[in-house]
N, C-alpha and C. Protein backbone atom coordinates (compact mmCIF):
# COMPACT_ATOMS: atom_id res chain seq x y z
N MET A 1 73.45 60.49 -30.46
CA MET A 1 73.45 62.09 -30.24
C MET A 1 74.25 62.31 -28.94
N LYS A 2 74.15 63.77 -29.10
CA LYS A 2 75.08 64.03 -28.46
C LYS A 2 74.28 64.81 -27.30
N PRO A 3 74.27 64.63 -25.15
CA PRO A 3 74.13 64.90 -24.68
C PRO A 3 73.13 66.53 -24.85
N ALA A 4 73.87 67.06 -25.13
CA ALA A 4 73.82 68.76 -25.13
C ALA A 4 72.92 69.14 -26.38
N ARG A 5 72.20 68.23 -27.68
CA ARG A 5 71.57 68.54 -29.08
C ARG A 5 70.29 67.37 -28.20
N LEU A 6 70.69 66.18 -27.71
CA LEU A 6 69.15 65.78 -26.98
C LEU A 6 68.01 66.54 -25.74
N LEU A 7 68.89 68.35 -24.98
CA LEU A 7 68.56 68.41 -23.91
C LEU A 7 67.88 69.11 -25.04
N ARG A 8 68.60 70.07 -26.38
CA ARG A 8 67.76 71.05 -26.57
C ARG A 8 66.52 70.32 -27.76
N VAL A 9 66.92 69.27 -28.05
CA VAL A 9 65.43 68.51 -28.65
C VAL A 9 64.31 68.39 -27.25
N ALA A 10 64.97 67.77 -26.36
CA ALA A 10 64.16 67.96 -25.17
C ALA A 10 62.89 69.50 -24.84
N ALA A 11 63.49 70.28 -24.64
CA ALA A 11 63.24 71.26 -24.32
C ALA A 11 62.38 71.96 -25.04
N GLY A 12 62.79 71.89 -26.53
CA GLY A 12 61.94 72.20 -27.83
C GLY A 12 60.73 71.90 -27.89
N LEU A 13 60.14 70.32 -27.66
CA LEU A 13 59.52 69.29 -27.39
C LEU A 13 58.38 69.94 -26.65
N ILE A 14 59.06 70.41 -25.57
CA ILE A 14 58.20 70.59 -24.33
C ILE A 14 57.67 72.04 -24.15
N VAL A 15 58.72 72.98 -25.35
CA VAL A 15 57.72 74.24 -25.33
C VAL A 15 56.62 73.93 -26.44
N LEU A 16 56.79 72.95 -27.32
CA LEU A 16 55.74 72.99 -28.30
C LEU A 16 54.23 72.45 -27.89
N LEU A 17 54.46 71.22 -26.32
CA LEU A 17 53.38 70.62 -26.01
C LEU A 17 52.86 71.88 -25.23
N GLY A 18 53.41 72.58 -24.54
CA GLY A 18 53.29 73.54 -23.58
C GLY A 18 52.32 74.60 -25.02
N MET A 19 52.82 74.88 -25.53
CA MET A 19 52.17 75.58 -26.82
C MET A 19 50.78 75.13 -27.01
N ALA A 20 50.81 73.68 -27.33
CA ALA A 20 49.97 72.85 -28.12
C ALA A 20 48.57 73.07 -26.79
N ALA A 21 49.01 72.82 -25.36
CA ALA A 21 48.22 72.66 -24.07
C ALA A 21 47.82 74.11 -24.18
N VAL A 22 48.19 75.10 -23.93
CA VAL A 22 47.78 76.62 -24.31
C VAL A 22 46.41 76.51 -25.33
N GLY A 23 47.45 76.67 -26.62
CA GLY A 23 46.06 76.33 -27.55
C GLY A 23 44.06 75.56 -27.44
N VAL A 24 44.59 74.61 -26.61
CA VAL A 24 43.53 73.88 -26.80
C VAL A 24 42.86 74.00 -25.79
N VAL A 25 43.39 74.90 -25.10
CA VAL A 25 42.20 76.09 -23.81
C VAL A 25 42.04 77.46 -24.55
N LEU A 26 42.66 77.46 -25.60
CA LEU A 26 42.30 79.19 -25.98
C LEU A 26 41.34 79.47 -27.25
N ILE A 27 41.40 77.64 -27.36
CA ILE A 27 40.86 77.57 -29.14
C ILE A 27 39.51 78.13 -28.80
N PRO A 28 38.72 77.10 -28.15
CA PRO A 28 37.57 76.74 -27.83
C PRO A 28 36.35 78.52 -27.94
N PRO A 29 36.81 78.99 -26.89
CA PRO A 29 35.89 81.09 -26.87
C PRO A 29 36.08 81.49 -28.19
N TYR A 30 37.10 81.38 -28.97
CA TYR A 30 37.64 82.35 -29.73
C TYR A 30 36.40 81.49 -31.44
N ALA A 31 36.20 80.02 -31.30
CA ALA A 31 35.66 79.60 -31.90
C ALA A 31 34.01 79.67 -31.52
N ALA A 32 33.89 79.93 -30.08
CA ALA A 32 31.85 80.00 -30.23
C ALA A 32 32.24 81.73 -30.43
N ASN A 33 33.22 82.41 -30.63
CA ASN A 33 33.03 83.91 -30.72
C ASN A 33 32.25 84.44 -32.31
N TRP A 34 33.46 83.30 -33.06
CA TRP A 34 33.15 83.53 -34.25
C TRP A 34 31.91 83.14 -34.79
N LYS A 35 31.19 82.12 -34.44
CA LYS A 35 30.38 81.65 -35.00
C LYS A 35 29.03 82.91 -33.91
N LEU A 36 29.58 83.62 -32.94
CA LEU A 36 28.12 84.71 -32.42
C LEU A 36 28.43 85.88 -33.64
N GLN A 37 29.39 85.51 -34.07
CA GLN A 37 30.00 86.45 -34.98
C GLN A 37 28.87 86.28 -36.35
N ARG A 38 29.45 84.85 -36.87
CA ARG A 38 28.56 85.24 -38.26
C ARG A 38 27.18 84.98 -37.87
N TYR A 39 26.56 84.54 -36.88
CA TYR A 39 24.97 84.43 -36.65
C TYR A 39 24.83 86.45 -36.32
N LEU A 40 25.20 87.29 -35.85
CA LEU A 40 25.49 88.62 -36.21
C LEU A 40 25.15 89.25 -37.75
N ASN A 41 26.09 88.68 -38.09
CA ASN A 41 25.92 88.94 -39.18
C ASN A 41 24.91 88.44 -40.38
N GLU A 42 24.18 87.58 -40.20
CA GLU A 42 23.15 86.76 -40.11
C GLU A 42 21.88 87.61 -40.66
N LEU A 43 21.70 88.22 -38.66
CA LEU A 43 20.64 88.19 -39.02
C LEU A 43 20.79 90.03 -39.27
N ILE A 44 22.03 90.65 -39.22
CA ILE A 44 21.74 92.20 -40.39
C ILE A 44 21.70 91.82 -41.84
N GLU A 45 21.44 90.81 -42.50
CA GLU A 45 21.70 90.49 -43.91
C GLU A 45 20.11 90.24 -43.87
N ASP A 46 19.50 89.86 -42.99
CA ASP A 46 17.88 89.48 -42.85
C ASP A 46 16.92 91.25 -42.36
N PRO A 47 16.77 91.06 -43.50
CA PRO A 47 15.89 92.36 -43.61
C PRO A 47 14.52 92.30 -43.00
N ALA A 48 14.23 91.22 -42.23
CA ALA A 48 13.08 91.62 -40.97
C ALA A 48 13.47 91.61 -40.04
N THR A 49 15.02 91.51 -40.30
CA THR A 49 15.65 92.13 -38.94
C THR A 49 15.45 93.81 -37.96
N ALA A 50 15.39 94.77 -39.38
CA ALA A 50 15.14 95.82 -39.22
C ALA A 50 13.91 96.32 -38.09
N SER A 51 12.36 95.63 -38.79
CA SER A 51 11.29 95.47 -38.95
C SER A 51 11.08 95.18 -36.99
N GLN A 52 11.98 94.84 -36.74
CA GLN A 52 11.60 93.87 -35.40
C GLN A 52 11.69 94.71 -34.03
N GLN A 53 11.30 94.51 -33.34
CA GLN A 53 11.64 94.93 -31.87
C GLN A 53 12.93 94.82 -31.63
N PRO A 54 13.90 96.04 -31.00
CA PRO A 54 14.74 96.10 -30.24
C PRO A 54 15.42 94.39 -28.89
N GLU A 55 13.74 94.28 -28.35
CA GLU A 55 14.26 93.89 -27.20
C GLU A 55 13.57 91.97 -27.79
N MET A 56 13.19 91.80 -28.73
CA MET A 56 13.69 90.30 -29.75
C MET A 56 14.35 90.26 -30.39
N VAL A 57 15.14 91.18 -31.03
CA VAL A 57 16.89 91.04 -31.46
C VAL A 57 17.23 90.93 -30.31
N ARG A 58 17.60 91.64 -29.03
CA ARG A 58 18.12 90.74 -28.01
C ARG A 58 18.16 89.43 -27.55
N ALA A 59 17.22 89.13 -27.41
CA ALA A 59 16.71 87.71 -27.20
C ALA A 59 17.34 86.71 -28.03
N LYS A 60 17.13 87.18 -29.62
CA LYS A 60 17.60 86.14 -30.47
C LYS A 60 19.09 85.86 -30.07
N VAL A 61 19.76 87.04 -30.09
CA VAL A 61 21.69 86.80 -29.74
C VAL A 61 21.89 86.46 -28.61
N LEU A 62 21.27 86.65 -27.25
CA LEU A 62 20.45 86.42 -26.24
C LEU A 62 20.98 84.20 -26.23
N GLY A 63 19.39 84.11 -27.08
CA GLY A 63 19.67 82.65 -27.10
C GLY A 63 20.56 81.48 -27.87
N LYS A 64 20.95 82.56 -29.05
CA LYS A 64 22.12 82.29 -29.57
C LYS A 64 23.58 82.11 -28.67
N ALA A 65 23.61 82.92 -27.78
CA ALA A 65 25.49 82.86 -27.28
C ALA A 65 24.81 81.55 -26.05
N THR A 66 23.94 81.70 -25.58
CA THR A 66 23.98 80.79 -24.69
C THR A 66 23.25 79.35 -24.95
N SER A 67 23.19 79.33 -26.41
CA SER A 67 23.25 77.55 -27.10
C SER A 67 24.68 77.38 -27.16
N LEU A 68 25.36 78.95 -27.33
CA LEU A 68 27.28 77.92 -27.25
C LEU A 68 27.62 78.19 -26.14
N GLY A 69 27.22 78.85 -25.55
CA GLY A 69 27.84 78.48 -23.52
C GLY A 69 28.77 79.95 -23.35
N LEU A 70 28.36 80.96 -24.04
CA LEU A 70 29.00 82.31 -23.91
C LEU A 70 27.94 83.04 -22.80
N PRO A 71 28.91 84.06 -21.90
CA PRO A 71 28.36 84.56 -20.62
C PRO A 71 28.71 85.42 -21.52
N LEU A 72 27.20 85.86 -22.41
CA LEU A 72 26.26 86.64 -22.37
C LEU A 72 25.03 87.50 -21.58
N ARG A 73 25.09 88.91 -21.35
CA ARG A 73 24.28 89.02 -20.17
C ARG A 73 23.09 90.00 -21.13
N SER A 74 21.95 90.11 -20.88
CA SER A 74 20.89 90.63 -21.76
C SER A 74 21.47 91.66 -21.72
N GLU A 75 21.95 92.84 -20.87
CA GLU A 75 22.30 94.14 -20.84
C GLU A 75 23.39 94.49 -21.73
N ASP A 76 24.40 93.52 -21.96
CA ASP A 76 25.90 93.33 -22.28
C ASP A 76 25.09 93.60 -23.79
N ILE A 77 23.66 93.87 -24.31
CA ILE A 77 23.59 93.35 -25.71
C ILE A 77 23.45 94.73 -26.11
N GLN A 78 23.73 95.68 -26.91
CA GLN A 78 23.03 97.15 -27.82
C GLN A 78 22.52 97.15 -28.81
N VAL A 79 21.16 97.26 -29.34
CA VAL A 79 20.21 96.85 -30.34
C VAL A 79 20.28 98.13 -30.85
N ALA A 80 20.88 99.16 -31.99
CA ALA A 80 20.08 100.03 -31.98
C ALA A 80 20.07 100.62 -33.63
N PRO A 81 18.66 101.65 -34.14
CA PRO A 81 18.18 101.28 -35.97
C PRO A 81 20.17 102.30 -36.12
N TRP A 82 19.47 101.78 -37.42
CA TRP A 82 20.65 102.38 -38.06
C TRP A 82 20.13 102.70 -39.44
N LYS A 83 19.48 103.92 -40.01
CA LYS A 83 19.24 104.23 -41.19
C LYS A 83 18.14 103.27 -41.27
N ASN A 84 18.22 102.10 -42.24
CA ASN A 84 17.13 101.20 -42.18
C ASN A 84 16.93 99.52 -42.21
N ALA A 85 18.24 99.72 -41.01
CA ALA A 85 18.75 98.55 -40.73
C ALA A 85 18.52 98.69 -39.11
N VAL A 86 19.71 97.96 -38.93
CA VAL A 86 19.54 98.05 -37.10
C VAL A 86 21.28 97.14 -36.92
N ARG A 87 21.99 98.14 -36.21
CA ARG A 87 23.39 98.01 -35.72
C ARG A 87 23.30 96.76 -34.25
N ILE A 88 24.12 95.83 -34.17
CA ILE A 88 24.47 94.82 -32.53
C ILE A 88 25.52 94.74 -32.16
N ASP A 89 25.72 95.07 -31.22
CA ASP A 89 26.82 95.48 -30.16
C ASP A 89 26.96 94.80 -29.51
N ALA A 90 27.95 93.99 -28.92
CA ALA A 90 27.78 92.91 -27.70
C ALA A 90 29.61 92.79 -27.05
N LEU A 91 29.14 92.74 -25.69
CA LEU A 91 30.17 92.66 -25.03
C LEU A 91 30.34 91.68 -23.86
N TYR A 92 31.47 91.16 -24.09
CA TYR A 92 31.46 89.33 -22.47
C TYR A 92 33.24 89.59 -22.40
N VAL A 93 32.98 88.55 -21.58
CA VAL A 93 34.29 88.23 -21.35
C VAL A 93 34.48 86.89 -20.45
N VAL A 94 35.38 85.56 -21.11
CA VAL A 94 35.59 84.55 -20.80
C VAL A 94 36.70 84.89 -20.13
N HIS A 95 36.65 83.89 -18.58
CA HIS A 95 37.65 83.84 -18.40
C HIS A 95 38.47 82.71 -18.04
N VAL A 96 39.52 82.32 -18.29
CA VAL A 96 40.11 80.87 -19.25
C VAL A 96 41.44 80.24 -18.21
N ASP A 97 41.39 79.95 -17.51
CA ASP A 97 42.28 78.97 -16.40
C ASP A 97 43.20 78.18 -17.34
N ILE A 98 44.44 78.77 -17.50
CA ILE A 98 45.64 78.12 -17.58
C ILE A 98 47.07 77.76 -16.86
N ALA A 99 46.61 76.28 -15.90
CA ALA A 99 48.17 76.07 -15.30
C ALA A 99 47.78 77.03 -14.32
N GLY A 100 46.81 77.53 -13.66
CA GLY A 100 46.47 78.57 -12.30
C GLY A 100 46.54 79.63 -12.71
N TYR A 101 46.59 80.47 -13.98
CA TYR A 101 46.89 81.52 -13.85
C TYR A 101 45.70 81.97 -14.68
N THR A 102 44.65 82.84 -15.12
CA THR A 102 43.49 83.36 -15.18
C THR A 102 43.00 84.69 -16.70
N VAL A 103 43.18 84.02 -17.41
CA VAL A 103 42.80 84.90 -18.46
C VAL A 103 42.13 85.09 -19.16
N ASP A 104 41.93 86.84 -18.83
CA ASP A 104 40.05 87.05 -19.01
C ASP A 104 39.80 87.48 -21.03
N LEU A 105 39.62 87.05 -21.63
CA LEU A 105 39.15 87.07 -23.04
C LEU A 105 38.00 88.12 -22.83
N HIS A 106 38.59 89.38 -23.59
CA HIS A 106 37.45 90.43 -23.87
C HIS A 106 37.16 90.45 -25.41
N PHE A 107 35.27 90.12 -25.31
CA PHE A 107 35.05 89.95 -27.34
C PHE A 107 34.28 90.77 -27.17
N ARG A 108 34.31 91.34 -28.56
CA ARG A 108 33.24 92.64 -28.82
C ARG A 108 32.75 92.24 -30.24
N PRO A 109 32.15 91.17 -30.29
CA PRO A 109 31.02 90.95 -31.52
C PRO A 109 29.90 92.27 -31.88
N ALA A 110 30.20 92.84 -33.01
CA ALA A 110 29.31 93.38 -33.22
C ALA A 110 28.70 93.70 -35.37
N ALA A 111 27.83 94.07 -35.52
CA ALA A 111 27.54 94.17 -37.16
C ALA A 111 26.24 94.69 -37.43
N GLY A 112 26.40 95.55 -38.33
CA GLY A 112 25.59 96.48 -39.24
C GLY A 112 26.24 97.86 -39.02
N GLY A 113 25.87 98.65 -39.29
CA GLY A 113 26.26 100.17 -39.65
C GLY A 113 27.01 100.45 -40.18
N THR A 114 27.45 99.82 -41.00
CA THR A 114 28.73 100.16 -41.59
C THR A 114 28.16 101.06 -42.76
């Protein structure tokens, strides 16, 4: 192999490894948010949720977020009646450090009220 071609292949492998490393760091927060979103959808689909107090629904959401390791606080969860159901909105930020650089991932899972 020619040295120039070898250098291009090595540079390509380095870029791919870097992208894989970034993916390994970024995928877990997105996966946890996806699980929280699925949970919110399940809560909304349960008819019993509409008859529960907002504080009870908020506590359920907070418990699920805590079990997923998400930095969600009670005051970041909004539970509001919507017609004969309920709407749940949440907002939280996950700080991710990538090689000395901090990335803030903003998540807004929501369900109901459509």
